[in-house]
Amino acid sequence: MPSGSADFFTTRLDNLVAWARKNSLWPLPFGTACCAIEYMSIVSSHYDLARFGAEVVRFSPRQADLLIVAGTVVDKLAPVLRKIYDQMPEPKWVISMGVCASSGGFYRAYHVVQGIDEIVPVDVYVPGCPPTPEELMYGILSLQESIQSGRKSRDDRSARYAATLPALPSP
């Protein structure tokens, strides 16, 4: 060891936890349409989401901390999405992928949810129809930046938000 160098570093526990959370996202894909196909490509070898620590795709909400809603959500599916969100442990984040999930897209119909933020709080909106894998990757990186900055996502806000919503009927 060269003289004058130290073999330790100092940091705050909050910074260490934020760094660990940023680099270990466990996404749960909630794919209902063509955006889900684009999501599949981002976890494949070409785009390799593993480089950013978000490759452990989980299909159980109890093991995931990132919900990626990809595609159109109809009214009958809304209670299911809400239940999945409620089953995820805190802290949890939500990415709305594509114009249909973000605003209903071109489905201006009575049976289509006009944005999933009517059901669950959204942290990042990824535009596009469908968004390219690069756009989704940018959304995930943007989310990681906000996690690194110490933002608690929807930790406390989601609980308050969920408490204000009326109970949805069971599917």
N, C-alpha and C. Protein backbone atom coordinates (compact mmCIF):
# COMPACT_ATOMS: atom_id res chain seq x y z
N MET A 1 0.84 -1.17 0.00
CA MET A 1 0.00 0.00 0.00
C MET A 1 0.89 1.23 0.00
N PRO A 2 0.64 2.15 -0.95
CA PRO A 2 1.45 3.36 -0.98
C PRO A 2 1.21 4.22 0.26
N SER A 3 2.25 4.90 0.66
CA SER A 3 2.10 5.73 1.85
C SER A 3 1.15 6.89 1.57
N GLY A 4 0.39 7.26 2.56
CA GLY A 4 -0.55 8.36 2.43
C GLY A 4 -1.93 7.94 1.96
N SER A 5 -2.09 6.70 1.48
CA SER A 5 -3.43 6.28 1.05
C SER A 5 -4.12 5.56 2.22
N ALA A 6 -5.40 5.63 2.19
CA ALA A 6 -6.18 5.03 3.26
C ALA A 6 -6.87 3.77 2.75
N ASP A 7 -7.09 2.81 3.63
CA ASP A 7 -7.79 1.60 3.24
C ASP A 7 -9.21 1.60 3.79
N PHE A 8 -9.77 2.76 3.94
CA PHE A 8 -11.15 2.88 4.39
C PHE A 8 -11.77 4.10 3.72
N PHE A 9 -13.06 4.16 3.74
CA PHE A 9 -13.76 5.33 3.25
C PHE A 9 -14.91 5.63 4.21
N THR A 10 -15.39 6.83 4.13
CA THR A 10 -16.51 7.21 4.99
C THR A 10 -17.69 7.61 4.12
N THR A 11 -18.85 7.32 4.60
CA THR A 11 -20.08 7.71 3.93
C THR A 11 -21.21 7.67 4.94
N ARG A 12 -22.32 8.16 4.53
CA ARG A 12 -23.50 8.08 5.38
C ARG A 12 -24.25 6.80 5.03
N LEU A 13 -24.96 6.25 5.98
CA LEU A 13 -25.72 5.03 5.75
C LEU A 13 -26.79 5.24 4.68
N ASP A 14 -27.41 6.42 4.65
CA ASP A 14 -28.42 6.70 3.64
C ASP A 14 -27.84 6.63 2.23
N ASN A 15 -26.63 7.13 2.06
CA ASN A 15 -25.99 7.08 0.75
C ASN A 15 -25.70 5.64 0.34
N LEU A 16 -25.25 4.84 1.29
CA LEU A 16 -24.96 3.44 1.00
C LEU A 16 -26.23 2.67 0.63
N VAL A 17 -27.31 2.92 1.35
CA VAL A 17 -28.58 2.24 1.06
C VAL A 17 -29.11 2.69 -0.30
N ALA A 18 -29.02 3.98 -0.60
CA ALA A 18 -29.48 4.47 -1.90
C ALA A 18 -28.67 3.87 -3.03
N TRP A 19 -27.37 3.74 -2.83
CA TRP A 19 -26.51 3.13 -3.86
C TRP A 19 -26.90 1.67 -4.07
N ALA A 20 -27.15 0.95 -2.98
CA ALA A 20 -27.52 -0.46 -3.11
C ALA A 20 -28.89 -0.61 -3.78
N ARG A 21 -29.83 0.23 -3.41
CA ARG A 21 -31.16 0.15 -4.05
C ARG A 21 -31.09 0.48 -5.52
N LYS A 22 -30.30 1.47 -5.84
CA LYS A 22 -30.17 1.88 -7.24
C LYS A 22 -29.64 0.74 -8.10
N ASN A 23 -28.71 0.01 -7.58
CA ASN A 23 -28.04 -1.02 -8.37
C ASN A 23 -28.61 -2.41 -8.18
N SER A 24 -29.76 -2.53 -7.58
CA SER A 24 -30.36 -3.86 -7.41
C SER A 24 -31.87 -3.79 -7.56
N LEU A 25 -32.32 -3.24 -8.66
CA LEU A 25 -33.76 -3.20 -8.93
C LEU A 25 -34.24 -4.58 -9.38
N TRP A 26 -35.37 -4.99 -8.86
CA TRP A 26 -35.97 -6.26 -9.26
C TRP A 26 -37.30 -5.96 -9.92
N PRO A 27 -37.32 -5.90 -11.25
CA PRO A 27 -38.54 -5.49 -11.94
C PRO A 27 -39.56 -6.62 -12.06
N LEU A 28 -40.81 -6.21 -12.03
CA LEU A 28 -41.95 -7.08 -12.30
C LEU A 28 -42.65 -6.53 -13.53
N PRO A 29 -42.57 -7.22 -14.66
CA PRO A 29 -43.25 -6.71 -15.84
C PRO A 29 -44.74 -7.01 -15.79
N PHE A 30 -45.54 -5.98 -16.04
CA PHE A 30 -46.99 -6.13 -16.15
C PHE A 30 -47.33 -5.78 -17.59
N GLY A 31 -47.10 -6.72 -18.46
CA GLY A 31 -47.25 -6.49 -19.89
C GLY A 31 -48.60 -6.92 -20.40
N THR A 32 -49.26 -6.00 -21.11
CA THR A 32 -50.58 -6.32 -21.64
C THR A 32 -50.65 -6.15 -23.15
N ALA A 33 -49.65 -5.59 -23.78
CA ALA A 33 -49.74 -5.31 -25.21
C ALA A 33 -48.34 -5.28 -25.82
N CYS A 34 -48.22 -4.58 -26.93
CA CYS A 34 -46.98 -4.58 -27.70
C CYS A 34 -45.79 -4.01 -26.93
N CYS A 35 -46.02 -3.16 -25.95
CA CYS A 35 -44.91 -2.64 -25.15
C CYS A 35 -44.18 -3.76 -24.42
N ALA A 36 -44.90 -4.81 -24.08
CA ALA A 36 -44.27 -5.93 -23.39
C ALA A 36 -43.25 -6.63 -24.28
N ILE A 37 -43.49 -6.63 -25.57
CA ILE A 37 -42.51 -7.21 -26.50
C ILE A 37 -41.23 -6.39 -26.48
N GLU A 38 -41.39 -5.06 -26.43
CA GLU A 38 -40.20 -4.21 -26.36
C GLU A 38 -39.47 -4.42 -25.03
N TYR A 39 -40.23 -4.67 -23.98
CA TYR A 39 -39.59 -4.93 -22.69
C TYR A 39 -38.74 -6.20 -22.76
N MET A 40 -39.25 -7.22 -23.45
CA MET A 40 -38.49 -8.47 -23.55
C MET A 40 -37.13 -8.24 -24.19
N SER A 41 -37.07 -7.33 -25.14
CA SER A 41 -35.78 -7.10 -25.80
C SER A 41 -34.78 -6.43 -24.87
N ILE A 42 -35.24 -5.66 -23.93
CA ILE A 42 -34.30 -4.93 -23.07
C ILE A 42 -33.61 -5.87 -22.08
N VAL A 43 -34.23 -6.98 -21.76
CA VAL A 43 -33.57 -7.92 -20.85
C VAL A 43 -32.82 -9.01 -21.61
N SER A 44 -32.83 -8.93 -22.93
CA SER A 44 -32.07 -9.90 -23.72
C SER A 44 -30.61 -9.46 -23.84
N SER A 45 -29.85 -10.28 -24.51
CA SER A 45 -28.41 -10.05 -24.54
C SER A 45 -28.01 -8.79 -25.31
N HIS A 46 -28.81 -8.36 -26.28
CA HIS A 46 -28.42 -7.20 -27.08
C HIS A 46 -28.36 -5.92 -26.24
N TYR A 47 -29.40 -5.68 -25.44
CA TYR A 47 -29.42 -4.46 -24.62
C TYR A 47 -28.88 -4.72 -23.21
N ASP A 48 -29.05 -5.93 -22.72
CA ASP A 48 -28.42 -6.38 -21.49
C ASP A 48 -28.64 -5.42 -20.31
N LEU A 49 -29.85 -5.43 -19.83
CA LEU A 49 -30.18 -4.59 -18.69
C LEU A 49 -29.39 -4.95 -17.44
N ALA A 50 -28.79 -6.12 -17.45
CA ALA A 50 -27.99 -6.56 -16.31
C ALA A 50 -26.83 -5.61 -16.03
N ARG A 51 -26.38 -4.89 -17.04
CA ARG A 51 -25.29 -3.93 -16.83
C ARG A 51 -25.65 -2.88 -15.81
N PHE A 52 -26.96 -2.64 -15.64
CA PHE A 52 -27.42 -1.58 -14.75
C PHE A 52 -28.05 -2.14 -13.48
N GLY A 53 -27.91 -3.42 -13.25
CA GLY A 53 -28.40 -4.00 -12.01
C GLY A 53 -29.89 -4.22 -11.94
N ALA A 54 -30.56 -4.35 -13.06
CA ALA A 54 -32.01 -4.53 -13.05
C ALA A 54 -32.41 -5.76 -13.85
N GLU A 55 -31.61 -6.80 -13.80
CA GLU A 55 -31.86 -7.95 -14.65
C GLU A 55 -32.64 -9.05 -13.96
N VAL A 56 -32.83 -9.00 -12.68
CA VAL A 56 -33.49 -10.08 -11.96
C VAL A 56 -35.00 -9.86 -12.06
N VAL A 57 -35.56 -10.33 -13.15
CA VAL A 57 -37.00 -10.16 -13.37
C VAL A 57 -37.74 -11.13 -12.45
N ARG A 58 -38.69 -10.57 -11.73
CA ARG A 58 -39.49 -11.36 -10.80
C ARG A 58 -40.94 -11.35 -11.27
N PHE A 59 -41.58 -12.48 -11.13
CA PHE A 59 -42.99 -12.56 -11.50
C PHE A 59 -43.86 -12.73 -10.27
N SER A 60 -43.31 -12.45 -9.12
CA SER A 60 -44.08 -12.38 -7.89
C SER A 60 -43.97 -10.97 -7.35
N PRO A 61 -45.09 -10.32 -7.07
CA PRO A 61 -44.99 -8.95 -6.55
C PRO A 61 -44.30 -8.86 -5.20
N ARG A 62 -44.29 -9.93 -4.47
CA ARG A 62 -43.66 -9.90 -3.15
C ARG A 62 -42.14 -9.91 -3.23
N GLN A 63 -41.61 -10.19 -4.39
CA GLN A 63 -40.16 -10.21 -4.58
C GLN A 63 -39.67 -9.07 -5.46
N ALA A 64 -40.54 -8.18 -5.87
CA ALA A 64 -40.17 -7.12 -6.80
C ALA A 64 -40.26 -5.76 -6.13
N ASP A 65 -39.43 -4.83 -6.62
CA ASP A 65 -39.53 -3.46 -6.12
C ASP A 65 -39.75 -2.46 -7.24
N LEU A 66 -39.82 -2.94 -8.47
CA LEU A 66 -40.07 -2.06 -9.61
C LEU A 66 -41.16 -2.70 -10.47
N LEU A 67 -42.27 -1.99 -10.61
CA LEU A 67 -43.39 -2.45 -11.44
C LEU A 67 -43.32 -1.70 -12.75
N ILE A 68 -43.18 -2.45 -13.85
CA ILE A 68 -43.17 -1.84 -15.17
C ILE A 68 -44.47 -2.21 -15.85
N VAL A 69 -45.35 -1.22 -15.99
CA VAL A 69 -46.64 -1.45 -16.64
C VAL A 69 -46.46 -1.12 -18.11
N ALA A 70 -46.58 -2.14 -18.94
CA ALA A 70 -46.32 -2.00 -20.37
C ALA A 70 -47.57 -2.38 -21.15
N GLY A 71 -48.29 -1.38 -21.59
CA GLY A 71 -49.44 -1.65 -22.43
C GLY A 71 -50.73 -1.07 -21.90
N THR A 72 -51.78 -1.37 -22.61
CA THR A 72 -53.11 -0.86 -22.29
C THR A 72 -53.68 -1.56 -21.06
N VAL A 73 -54.27 -0.80 -20.18
CA VAL A 73 -54.93 -1.36 -19.01
C VAL A 73 -56.42 -1.04 -19.14
N VAL A 74 -57.22 -2.08 -19.16
CA VAL A 74 -58.67 -1.88 -19.25
C VAL A 74 -59.25 -1.87 -17.84
N ASP A 75 -60.48 -1.43 -17.75
CA ASP A 75 -61.11 -1.27 -16.43
C ASP A 75 -61.18 -2.57 -15.65
N LYS A 76 -61.40 -3.69 -16.35
CA LYS A 76 -61.48 -4.96 -15.64
C LYS A 76 -60.12 -5.38 -15.08
N LEU A 77 -59.06 -4.88 -15.65
CA LEU A 77 -57.71 -5.23 -15.20
C LEU A 77 -57.21 -4.28 -14.11
N ALA A 78 -57.86 -3.16 -13.94
CA ALA A 78 -57.40 -2.16 -12.97
C ALA A 78 -57.33 -2.69 -11.55
N PRO A 79 -58.32 -3.42 -11.06
CA PRO A 79 -58.19 -3.95 -9.69
C PRO A 79 -57.04 -4.94 -9.54
N VAL A 80 -56.74 -5.66 -10.59
CA VAL A 80 -55.63 -6.61 -10.54
C VAL A 80 -54.31 -5.85 -10.42
N LEU A 81 -54.17 -4.80 -11.23
CA LEU A 81 -52.95 -3.99 -11.15
C LEU A 81 -52.80 -3.38 -9.77
N ARG A 82 -53.88 -2.88 -9.22
CA ARG A 82 -53.83 -2.28 -7.88
C ARG A 82 -53.44 -3.32 -6.83
N LYS A 83 -53.98 -4.52 -6.94
CA LYS A 83 -53.66 -5.57 -5.97
C LYS A 83 -52.20 -5.97 -6.07
N ILE A 84 -51.70 -6.07 -7.28
CA ILE A 84 -50.28 -6.40 -7.47
C ILE A 84 -49.41 -5.31 -6.85
N TYR A 85 -49.77 -4.05 -7.09
CA TYR A 85 -49.00 -2.95 -6.52
C TYR A 85 -49.03 -2.99 -4.99
N ASP A 86 -50.18 -3.26 -4.44
CA ASP A 86 -50.30 -3.30 -2.98
C ASP A 86 -49.51 -4.46 -2.37
N GLN A 87 -49.30 -5.53 -3.11
CA GLN A 87 -48.57 -6.68 -2.60
C GLN A 87 -47.06 -6.48 -2.64
N MET A 88 -46.60 -5.46 -3.35
CA MET A 88 -45.15 -5.22 -3.42
C MET A 88 -44.67 -4.59 -2.13
N PRO A 89 -43.51 -5.02 -1.63
CA PRO A 89 -42.99 -4.41 -0.40
C PRO A 89 -42.41 -3.01 -0.68
N GLU A 90 -42.36 -2.20 0.35
CA GLU A 90 -41.74 -0.88 0.26
C GLU A 90 -40.24 -1.02 0.38
N PRO A 91 -39.46 -0.20 -0.24
CA PRO A 91 -39.83 0.82 -1.20
C PRO A 91 -40.14 0.21 -2.55
N LYS A 92 -41.00 0.84 -3.29
CA LYS A 92 -41.39 0.34 -4.59
C LYS A 92 -41.54 1.50 -5.55
N TRP A 93 -41.28 1.19 -6.80
CA TRP A 93 -41.34 2.20 -7.84
C TRP A 93 -42.18 1.67 -8.99
N VAL A 94 -42.73 2.60 -9.78
CA VAL A 94 -43.57 2.23 -10.92
C VAL A 94 -43.11 3.00 -12.14
N ILE A 95 -42.94 2.28 -13.24
CA ILE A 95 -42.66 2.89 -14.53
C ILE A 95 -43.85 2.63 -15.43
N SER A 96 -44.38 3.70 -16.00
CA SER A 96 -45.46 3.60 -16.97
C SER A 96 -44.82 3.60 -18.35
N MET A 97 -44.90 2.47 -19.02
CA MET A 97 -44.20 2.30 -20.30
C MET A 97 -45.19 2.42 -21.45
N GLY A 98 -45.00 3.43 -22.26
CA GLY A 98 -45.82 3.59 -23.45
C GLY A 98 -46.98 4.54 -23.24
N VAL A 99 -47.49 5.02 -24.35
CA VAL A 99 -48.56 6.02 -24.29
C VAL A 99 -49.86 5.42 -23.79
N CYS A 100 -50.10 4.14 -24.04
CA CYS A 100 -51.36 3.53 -23.57
C CYS A 100 -51.38 3.44 -22.05
N ALA A 101 -50.28 3.05 -21.45
CA ALA A 101 -50.24 2.98 -19.98
C ALA A 101 -50.23 4.37 -19.38
N SER A 102 -49.62 5.32 -20.07
CA SER A 102 -49.50 6.67 -19.51
C SER A 102 -50.76 7.50 -19.64
N SER A 103 -51.47 7.35 -20.77
CA SER A 103 -52.64 8.22 -20.98
C SER A 103 -53.80 7.52 -21.68
N GLY A 104 -53.73 6.24 -21.85
CA GLY A 104 -54.79 5.55 -22.57
C GLY A 104 -54.52 5.46 -24.06
N GLY A 105 -53.57 6.23 -24.53
CA GLY A 105 -53.20 6.20 -25.94
C GLY A 105 -54.35 6.57 -26.85
N PHE A 106 -54.44 5.88 -27.94
CA PHE A 106 -55.53 6.18 -28.87
C PHE A 106 -56.81 5.44 -28.52
N TYR A 107 -56.81 4.75 -27.37
CA TYR A 107 -58.02 4.08 -26.92
C TYR A 107 -58.84 5.03 -26.07
N ARG A 108 -59.56 5.91 -26.68
CA ARG A 108 -60.45 6.83 -25.96
C ARG A 108 -61.81 6.14 -25.83
N ALA A 109 -61.84 5.11 -25.02
CA ALA A 109 -63.06 4.33 -24.89
C ALA A 109 -63.45 4.21 -23.42
N TYR A 110 -64.68 3.86 -23.19
CA TYR A 110 -65.21 3.80 -21.83
C TYR A 110 -64.54 2.71 -20.99
N HIS A 111 -63.99 1.70 -21.62
CA HIS A 111 -63.47 0.56 -20.89
C HIS A 111 -61.96 0.60 -20.70
N VAL A 112 -61.29 1.65 -21.15
CA VAL A 112 -59.84 1.74 -21.05
C VAL A 112 -59.46 2.78 -20.00
N VAL A 113 -58.54 2.42 -19.12
CA VAL A 113 -58.04 3.36 -18.12
C VAL A 113 -57.21 4.42 -18.83
N GLN A 114 -57.51 5.67 -18.56
CA GLN A 114 -56.82 6.77 -19.23
C GLN A 114 -55.58 7.19 -18.45
N GLY A 115 -54.70 6.23 -18.24
CA GLY A 115 -53.47 6.47 -17.50
C GLY A 115 -53.47 5.67 -16.21
N ILE A 116 -52.40 4.93 -15.98
CA ILE A 116 -52.37 4.07 -14.80
C ILE A 116 -52.20 4.88 -13.52
N ASP A 117 -51.89 6.17 -13.66
CA ASP A 117 -51.79 6.97 -12.44
C ASP A 117 -53.16 7.19 -11.80
N GLU A 118 -54.21 6.74 -12.46
CA GLU A 118 -55.52 6.71 -11.82
C GLU A 118 -55.61 5.56 -10.81
N ILE A 119 -54.70 4.60 -10.94
CA ILE A 119 -54.75 3.39 -10.12
C ILE A 119 -53.58 3.33 -9.14
N VAL A 120 -52.38 3.57 -9.64
CA VAL A 120 -51.16 3.49 -8.83
C VAL A 120 -50.32 4.74 -9.08
N PRO A 121 -49.54 5.16 -8.09
CA PRO A 121 -48.65 6.31 -8.32
C PRO A 121 -47.50 5.92 -9.24
N VAL A 122 -47.19 6.79 -10.17
CA VAL A 122 -46.17 6.50 -11.18
C VAL A 122 -44.94 7.36 -10.90
N ASP A 123 -43.77 6.74 -10.97
CA ASP A 123 -42.51 7.46 -10.75
C ASP A 123 -41.91 7.97 -12.06
N VAL A 124 -41.97 7.16 -13.11
CA VAL A 124 -41.37 7.54 -14.39
C VAL A 124 -42.33 7.18 -15.51
N TYR A 125 -42.53 8.13 -16.42
CA TYR A 125 -43.32 7.89 -17.62
C TYR A 125 -42.35 7.73 -18.79
N VAL A 126 -42.52 6.66 -19.56
CA VAL A 126 -41.71 6.45 -20.75
C VAL A 126 -42.62 6.61 -21.95
N PRO A 127 -42.43 7.67 -22.76
CA PRO A 127 -43.32 7.89 -23.89
C PRO A 127 -42.99 6.97 -25.06
N GLY A 128 -43.94 6.90 -25.99
CA GLY A 128 -43.70 6.13 -27.21
C GLY A 128 -44.81 5.12 -27.44
N CYS A 129 -44.92 4.69 -28.69
CA CYS A 129 -45.96 3.74 -29.06
C CYS A 129 -45.42 2.73 -30.07
N PRO A 130 -44.84 1.66 -29.64
CA PRO A 130 -44.30 1.41 -28.32
C PRO A 130 -42.96 2.12 -28.16
N PRO A 131 -42.54 2.34 -26.94
CA PRO A 131 -41.22 2.95 -26.74
C PRO A 131 -40.12 1.99 -27.18
N THR A 132 -39.05 2.54 -27.64
CA THR A 132 -37.92 1.70 -28.02
C THR A 132 -37.22 1.19 -26.76
N PRO A 133 -36.45 0.13 -26.88
CA PRO A 133 -35.69 -0.33 -25.72
C PRO A 133 -34.77 0.74 -25.14
N GLU A 134 -34.24 1.60 -26.01
CA GLU A 134 -33.38 2.67 -25.52
C GLU A 134 -34.16 3.66 -24.66
N GLU A 135 -35.40 3.94 -25.05
CA GLU A 135 -36.22 4.86 -24.25
C GLU A 135 -36.55 4.26 -22.89
N LEU A 136 -36.86 2.96 -22.87
CA LEU A 136 -37.13 2.32 -21.58
C LEU A 136 -35.88 2.30 -20.72
N MET A 137 -34.74 2.04 -21.36
CA MET A 137 -33.48 2.04 -20.61
C MET A 137 -33.22 3.43 -20.02
N TYR A 138 -33.52 4.47 -20.79
CA TYR A 138 -33.36 5.83 -20.28
C TYR A 138 -34.29 6.07 -19.09
N GLY A 139 -35.51 5.54 -19.16
CA GLY A 139 -36.43 5.67 -18.04
C GLY A 139 -35.92 4.97 -16.79
N ILE A 140 -35.36 3.78 -16.97
CA ILE A 140 -34.81 3.05 -15.82
C ILE A 140 -33.61 3.79 -15.25
N LEU A 141 -32.76 4.33 -16.11
CA LEU A 141 -31.61 5.09 -15.63
C LEU A 141 -32.05 6.37 -14.91
N SER A 142 -33.10 6.99 -15.42
CA SER A 142 -33.63 8.19 -14.74
C SER A 142 -34.16 7.83 -13.36
N LEU A 143 -34.82 6.69 -13.27
CA LEU A 143 -35.30 6.23 -11.97
C LEU A 143 -34.14 5.95 -11.03
N GLN A 144 -33.10 5.33 -11.56
CA GLN A 144 -31.92 5.04 -10.74
C GLN A 144 -31.27 6.32 -10.23
N GLU A 145 -31.25 7.35 -11.06
CA GLU A 145 -30.68 8.63 -10.61
C GLU A 145 -31.49 9.21 -9.45
N SER A 146 -32.80 9.12 -9.56
CA SER A 146 -33.62 9.65 -8.47
C SER A 146 -33.47 8.80 -7.21
N ILE A 147 -33.29 7.50 -7.36
CA ILE A 147 -33.06 6.64 -6.19
C ILE A 147 -31.72 6.99 -5.56
N GLN A 148 -30.71 7.20 -6.40
CA GLN A 148 -29.37 7.54 -5.89
C GLN A 148 -29.39 8.87 -5.16
N SER A 149 -30.23 9.78 -5.62
CA SER A 149 -30.29 11.10 -4.98
C SER A 149 -30.98 11.04 -3.62
N GLY A 150 -31.50 9.86 -3.29
CA GLY A 150 -32.09 9.71 -1.98
C GLY A 150 -33.60 9.85 -1.96
N ARG A 151 -34.17 10.02 -3.14
CA ARG A 151 -35.62 10.14 -3.18
C ARG A 151 -36.24 8.84 -2.73
N LYS A 152 -37.20 8.91 -1.89
CA LYS A 152 -37.82 7.72 -1.31
C LYS A 152 -38.89 7.14 -2.21
N SER A 153 -38.92 7.52 -3.45
CA SER A 153 -39.95 7.10 -4.40
C SER A 153 -41.32 7.39 -3.83
N ARG A 154 -42.08 6.39 -3.73
CA ARG A 154 -43.44 6.55 -3.24
C ARG A 154 -43.58 5.93 -1.86
N ASP A 155 -42.46 5.79 -1.15
CA ASP A 155 -42.51 5.12 0.15
C ASP A 155 -43.67 5.60 0.99
N ASP A 156 -43.61 6.83 1.41
CA ASP A 156 -44.67 7.32 2.27
C ASP A 156 -45.84 7.84 1.47
N ARG A 157 -45.55 8.37 0.27
CA ARG A 157 -46.64 8.90 -0.53
C ARG A 157 -47.58 7.79 -1.00
N SER A 158 -47.04 6.61 -1.31
CA SER A 158 -47.89 5.55 -1.83
C SER A 158 -48.86 5.07 -0.75
N ALA A 159 -48.41 4.99 0.46
CA ALA A 159 -49.30 4.55 1.53
C ALA A 159 -50.42 5.57 1.74
N ARG A 160 -50.03 6.86 1.72
CA ARG A 160 -51.06 7.89 1.87
C ARG A 160 -51.98 7.90 0.66
N TYR A 161 -51.39 7.73 -0.53
CA TYR A 161 -52.18 7.73 -1.75
C TYR A 161 -53.16 6.56 -1.76
N ALA A 162 -52.69 5.40 -1.39
CA ALA A 162 -53.55 4.22 -1.38
C ALA A 162 -54.67 4.36 -0.35
N ALA A 163 -54.36 5.05 0.76
CA ALA A 163 -55.38 5.21 1.79
C ALA A 163 -56.49 6.16 1.34
N THR A 164 -56.18 7.05 0.40
CA THR A 164 -57.20 8.00 -0.04
C THR A 164 -58.12 7.43 -1.11
N LEU A 165 -57.68 6.35 -1.76
CA LEU A 165 -58.48 5.78 -2.84
C LEU A 165 -59.59 4.89 -2.29
N PRO A 166 -60.73 4.92 -2.94
CA PRO A 166 -61.78 3.98 -2.52
C PRO A 166 -61.39 2.56 -2.93
N ALA A 167 -61.92 1.60 -2.20
CA ALA A 167 -61.62 0.20 -2.50
C ALA A 167 -62.17 -0.16 -3.87
N LEU A 168 -61.33 -0.84 -4.65
CA LEU A 168 -61.77 -1.26 -5.98
C LEU A 168 -62.50 -2.60 -5.86
N PRO A 169 -63.48 -2.83 -6.71
CA PRO A 169 -64.17 -4.12 -6.66
C PRO A 169 -63.24 -5.24 -7.10
N SER A 170 -63.46 -6.41 -6.59
CA SER A 170 -62.66 -7.58 -6.97
C SER A 170 -62.97 -7.97 -8.39
N PRO A 171 -61.97 -8.51 -9.10
CA PRO A 171 -62.24 -8.92 -10.48
C PRO A 171 -63.15 -10.13 -10.55
